[in-house]
Amino acid sequence: MVPILASAMKILYLYNGEDDKTLAASSDTTYSYSLNAGRLLSKDLLSLNDADELNRLALQLRDDYSSFIFSLNERFLRRSLTTENSLSLFFLSDLSNKRTEHFMTFDVVCHILLLL
C-alpha cells in the first residue's frame, strides 16, 4: 500500500480492501479513506469517511446520474443498435449488470465528491 498524497507533514491513504489493516505509527498527520468494508487502523489515523454525507451525496446525484445513463440508451436507439425485436443493445449490456459488475462508476463519483 502506497500513500496517495504525501508531503513532509500530511499523508492520505485510500484503501479499497475488505479486511482491516493496521498501519505503523507515524509522526506525520495521517488520513485514511476507505472505499470498501475494510478499514485502516492506527493510533493517530484520522478517517475522512462520513457514511451520512456519502448517502446524502448519493441521493442528491441519483436522478441526474440515472438520466445520464438512460441518455446513453437513446444514442443506441438513434444508431439502430438493437436486436431483431428492437431491444436496445444498451439494455442488454448495461442493465444485465455487466458495466456495474466491473466498474463502480456511481460509487466512485460519490466518493470523489465526498473527498472534495
C-alpha atoms as a PDB file:
ATOM      1  CA  MET A   1       0.000   0.000   0.000  1.00  0.00           C
ATOM      2  CA  VAL A   2       1.373   3.379  -1.046  1.00  0.00           C
ATOM      3  CA  PRO A   3       0.114   6.722   0.223  1.00  0.00           C
ATOM      4  CA  ILE A   4      -1.769   8.703  -2.425  1.00  0.00           C
ATOM      5  CA  LEU A   5      -0.779  12.151  -1.211  1.00  0.00           C
ATOM      6  CA  ALA A   6       2.405  12.654   0.730  1.00  0.00           C
ATOM      7  CA  SER A   7       4.272  15.694   1.923  1.00  0.00           C
ATOM      8  CA  ALA A   8       6.527  16.327   4.877  1.00  0.00           C
ATOM      9  CA  MET A   9       3.545  16.775   7.157  1.00  0.00           C
ATOM     10  CA  LYS A  10       0.468  15.005   5.723  1.00  0.00           C
ATOM     11  CA  ILE A  11      -0.286  11.547   4.283  1.00  0.00           C
ATOM     12  CA  LEU A  12      -3.542  10.313   2.746  1.00  0.00           C
ATOM     13  CA  TYR A  13      -4.224   6.588   2.283  1.00  0.00           C
ATOM     14  CA  LEU A  14      -7.069   5.414   0.057  1.00  0.00           C
ATOM     15  CA  TYR A  15      -7.953   1.825   0.908  1.00  0.00           C
ATOM     16  CA  ASN A  16     -10.179  -0.489  -1.157  1.00  0.00           C
ATOM     17  CA  GLY A  17      -9.739  -3.717   0.790  1.00  0.00           C
ATOM     18  CA  GLU A  18     -12.363  -5.784   2.558  1.00  0.00           C
ATOM     19  CA  ASP A  19     -10.220  -6.632   5.589  1.00  0.00           C
ATOM     20  CA  ASP A  20      -8.963  -4.267   8.278  1.00  0.00           C
ATOM     21  CA  LYS A  21      -5.238  -3.442   8.103  1.00  0.00           C
ATOM     22  CA  THR A  22      -3.046  -1.947  10.801  1.00  0.00           C
ATOM     23  CA  LEU A  23      -0.550   0.748   9.825  1.00  0.00           C
ATOM     24  CA  ALA A  24       2.633   1.543  11.660  1.00  0.00           C
ATOM     25  CA  ALA A  25       2.526   4.706  13.737  1.00  0.00           C
ATOM     26  CA  SER A  26       3.719   7.852  12.008  1.00  0.00           C
ATOM     27  CA  SER A  27       4.804  11.260  13.254  1.00  0.00           C
ATOM     28  CA  ASP A  28       3.158  12.826  10.180  1.00  0.00           C
ATOM     29  CA  THR A  29      -0.504  13.789  10.103  1.00  0.00           C
ATOM     30  CA  THR A  30      -2.096  10.715   8.522  1.00  0.00           C
ATOM     31  CA  TYR A  31      -5.557  10.486   6.972  1.00  0.00           C
ATOM     32  CA  SER A  32      -7.402   7.498   5.554  1.00  0.00           C
ATOM     33  CA  TYR A  33     -10.411   6.978   3.340  1.00  0.00           C
ATOM     34  CA  SER A  34     -11.918   3.517   2.860  1.00  0.00           C
ATOM     35  CA  LEU A  35     -13.712   2.730  -0.389  1.00  0.00           C
ATOM     36  CA  ASN A  36     -14.837  -0.705   0.790  1.00  0.00           C
ATOM     37  CA  ALA A  37     -15.692  -2.521   4.034  1.00  0.00           C
ATOM     38  CA  GLY A  38     -12.089  -2.768   5.267  1.00  0.00           C
ATOM     39  CA  ARG A  39     -10.571  -0.046   7.428  1.00  0.00           C
ATOM     40  CA  LEU A  40      -7.057   1.174   8.070  1.00  0.00           C
ATOM     41  CA  LEU A  41      -6.198   1.208  11.753  1.00  0.00           C
ATOM     42  CA  SER A  42      -3.518   3.208  13.550  1.00  0.00           C
ATOM     43  CA  LYS A  43      -3.256   5.174  16.778  1.00  0.00           C
ATOM     44  CA  ASP A  44      -3.354   8.693  15.318  1.00  0.00           C
ATOM     45  CA  LEU A  45      -5.022   7.953  11.984  1.00  0.00           C
ATOM     46  CA  LEU A  46      -7.804  10.364  11.023  1.00  0.00           C
ATOM     47  CA  SER A  47     -10.605   8.810   8.981  1.00  0.00           C
ATOM     48  CA  LEU A  48     -12.261  11.002   6.346  1.00  0.00           C
ATOM     49  CA  ASN A  49     -15.177   8.592   5.863  1.00  0.00           C
ATOM     50  CA  ASP A  50     -18.632  10.001   6.566  1.00  0.00           C
ATOM     51  CA  ALA A  51     -21.390   7.497   5.774  1.00  0.00           C
ATOM     52  CA  ASP A  52     -24.202  10.004   6.299  1.00  0.00           C
ATOM     53  CA  GLU A  53     -22.645  12.551   3.930  1.00  0.00           C
ATOM     54  CA  LEU A  54     -21.886   9.830   1.354  1.00  0.00           C
ATOM     55  CA  ASN A  55     -25.534   8.730   1.476  1.00  0.00           C
ATOM     56  CA  ARG A  56     -26.724  12.340   1.142  1.00  0.00           C
ATOM     57  CA  LEU A  57     -24.498  12.845  -1.913  1.00  0.00           C
ATOM     58  CA  ALA A  58     -25.708   9.596  -3.481  1.00  0.00           C
ATOM     59  CA  LEU A  59     -29.344  10.645  -3.071  1.00  0.00           C
ATOM     60  CA  GLN A  60     -28.581  14.101  -4.447  1.00  0.00           C
ATOM     61  CA  LEU A  61     -26.791  12.721  -7.532  1.00  0.00           C
ATOM     62  CA  ARG A  62     -29.051   9.711  -8.178  1.00  0.00           C
ATOM     63  CA  ASP A  63     -31.575  11.277 -10.564  1.00  0.00           C
ATOM     64  CA  ASP A  64     -29.044  13.180 -12.695  1.00  0.00           C
ATOM     65  CA  TYR A  65     -26.780  10.137 -12.895  1.00  0.00           C
ATOM     66  CA  SER A  66     -29.684   7.867 -13.880  1.00  0.00           C
ATOM     67  CA  SER A  67     -30.764  10.362 -16.534  1.00  0.00           C
ATOM     68  CA  PHE A  68     -27.248  10.373 -17.951  1.00  0.00           C
ATOM     69  CA  ILE A  69     -27.112   6.556 -18.077  1.00  0.00           C
ATOM     70  CA  PHE A  70     -30.518   6.364 -19.781  1.00  0.00           C
ATOM     71  CA  SER A  71     -29.459   9.055 -22.277  1.00  0.00           C
ATOM     72  CA  LEU A  72     -26.848   6.575 -23.497  1.00  0.00           C
ATOM     73  CA  ASN A  73     -29.702   4.234 -24.436  1.00  0.00           C
ATOM     74  CA  GLU A  74     -31.196   6.968 -26.615  1.00  0.00           C
ATOM     75  CA  ARG A  75     -27.887   7.119 -28.512  1.00  0.00           C
ATOM     76  CA  PHE A  76     -28.019   3.350 -29.065  1.00  0.00           C
ATOM     77  CA  LEU A  77     -31.576   3.625 -30.408  1.00  0.00           C
ATOM     78  CA  ARG A  78     -30.724   6.558 -32.724  1.00  0.00           C
ATOM     79  CA  ARG A  79     -27.937   4.491 -34.252  1.00  0.00           C
ATOM     80  CA  SER A  80     -30.171   1.413 -34.546  1.00  0.00           C
ATOM     81  CA  LEU A  81     -28.020  -0.648 -32.195  1.00  0.00           C
ATOM     82  CA  THR A  82     -30.853  -3.049 -31.434  1.00  0.00           C
ATOM     83  CA  THR A  83     -31.790  -6.711 -31.558  1.00  0.00           C
ATOM     84  CA  GLU A  84     -34.313  -8.049 -34.076  1.00  0.00           C
ATOM     85  CA  ASN A  85     -37.080  -7.240 -31.591  1.00  0.00           C
ATOM     86  CA  SER A  86     -35.921  -3.596 -31.333  1.00  0.00           C
ATOM     87  CA  LEU A  87     -34.496  -4.113 -27.870  1.00  0.00           C
ATOM     88  CA  SER A  88     -31.609  -1.715 -27.330  1.00  0.00           C
ATOM     89  CA  LEU A  89     -28.248  -3.445 -27.003  1.00  0.00           C
ATOM     90  CA  PHE A  90     -27.510  -0.908 -24.284  1.00  0.00           C
ATOM     91  CA  PHE A  91     -30.099  -2.571 -22.060  1.00  0.00           C
ATOM     92  CA  LEU A  92     -28.658  -5.997 -22.813  1.00  0.00           C
ATOM     93  CA  SER A  93     -25.176  -4.850 -21.829  1.00  0.00           C
ATOM     94  CA  ASP A  94     -25.717  -2.207 -19.148  1.00  0.00           C
ATOM     95  CA  LEU A  95     -28.797  -3.447 -17.371  1.00  0.00           C
ATOM     96  CA  SER A  96     -27.654  -7.047 -17.319  1.00  0.00           C
ATOM     97  CA  ASN A  97     -25.080  -5.802 -14.786  1.00  0.00           C
ATOM     98  CA  LYS A  98     -22.016  -6.125 -16.991  1.00  0.00           C
ATOM     99  CA  ARG A  99     -20.986  -2.487 -16.533  1.00  0.00           C
ATOM    100  CA  THR A 100     -21.757  -2.266 -12.827  1.00  0.00           C
ATOM    101  CA  GLU A 101     -20.038  -5.566 -12.035  1.00  0.00           C
ATOM    102  CA  HIS A 102     -16.739  -4.280 -13.362  1.00  0.00           C
ATOM    103  CA  PHE A 103     -16.962  -0.514 -12.916  1.00  0.00           C
ATOM    104  CA  MET A 104     -18.192   1.136  -9.735  1.00  0.00           C
ATOM    105  CA  THR A 105     -18.847   4.368 -11.622  1.00  0.00           C
ATOM    106  CA  PHE A 106     -21.582   5.841  -9.426  1.00  0.00           C
ATOM    107  CA  ASP A 107     -19.797   4.810  -6.221  1.00  0.00           C
ATOM    108  CA  VAL A 108     -16.545   6.379  -7.399  1.00  0.00           C
ATOM    109  CA  VAL A 109     -18.271   9.661  -8.336  1.00  0.00           C
ATOM    110  CA  CYS A 110     -19.823   9.834  -4.853  1.00  0.00           C
ATOM    111  CA  HIS A 111     -16.512   9.048  -3.116  1.00  0.00           C
ATOM    112  CA  ILE A 112     -14.632  11.684  -5.117  1.00  0.00           C
ATOM    113  CA  LEU A 113     -17.224  14.358  -4.351  1.00  0.00           C
ATOM    114  CA  LEU A 114     -17.122  13.486  -0.662  1.00  0.00           C
ATOM    115  CA  LEU A 115     -13.337  13.885  -0.604  1.00  0.00           C
ATOM    116  CA  LEU A 116     -13.522  17.266  -2.355  1.00  0.00           C
END
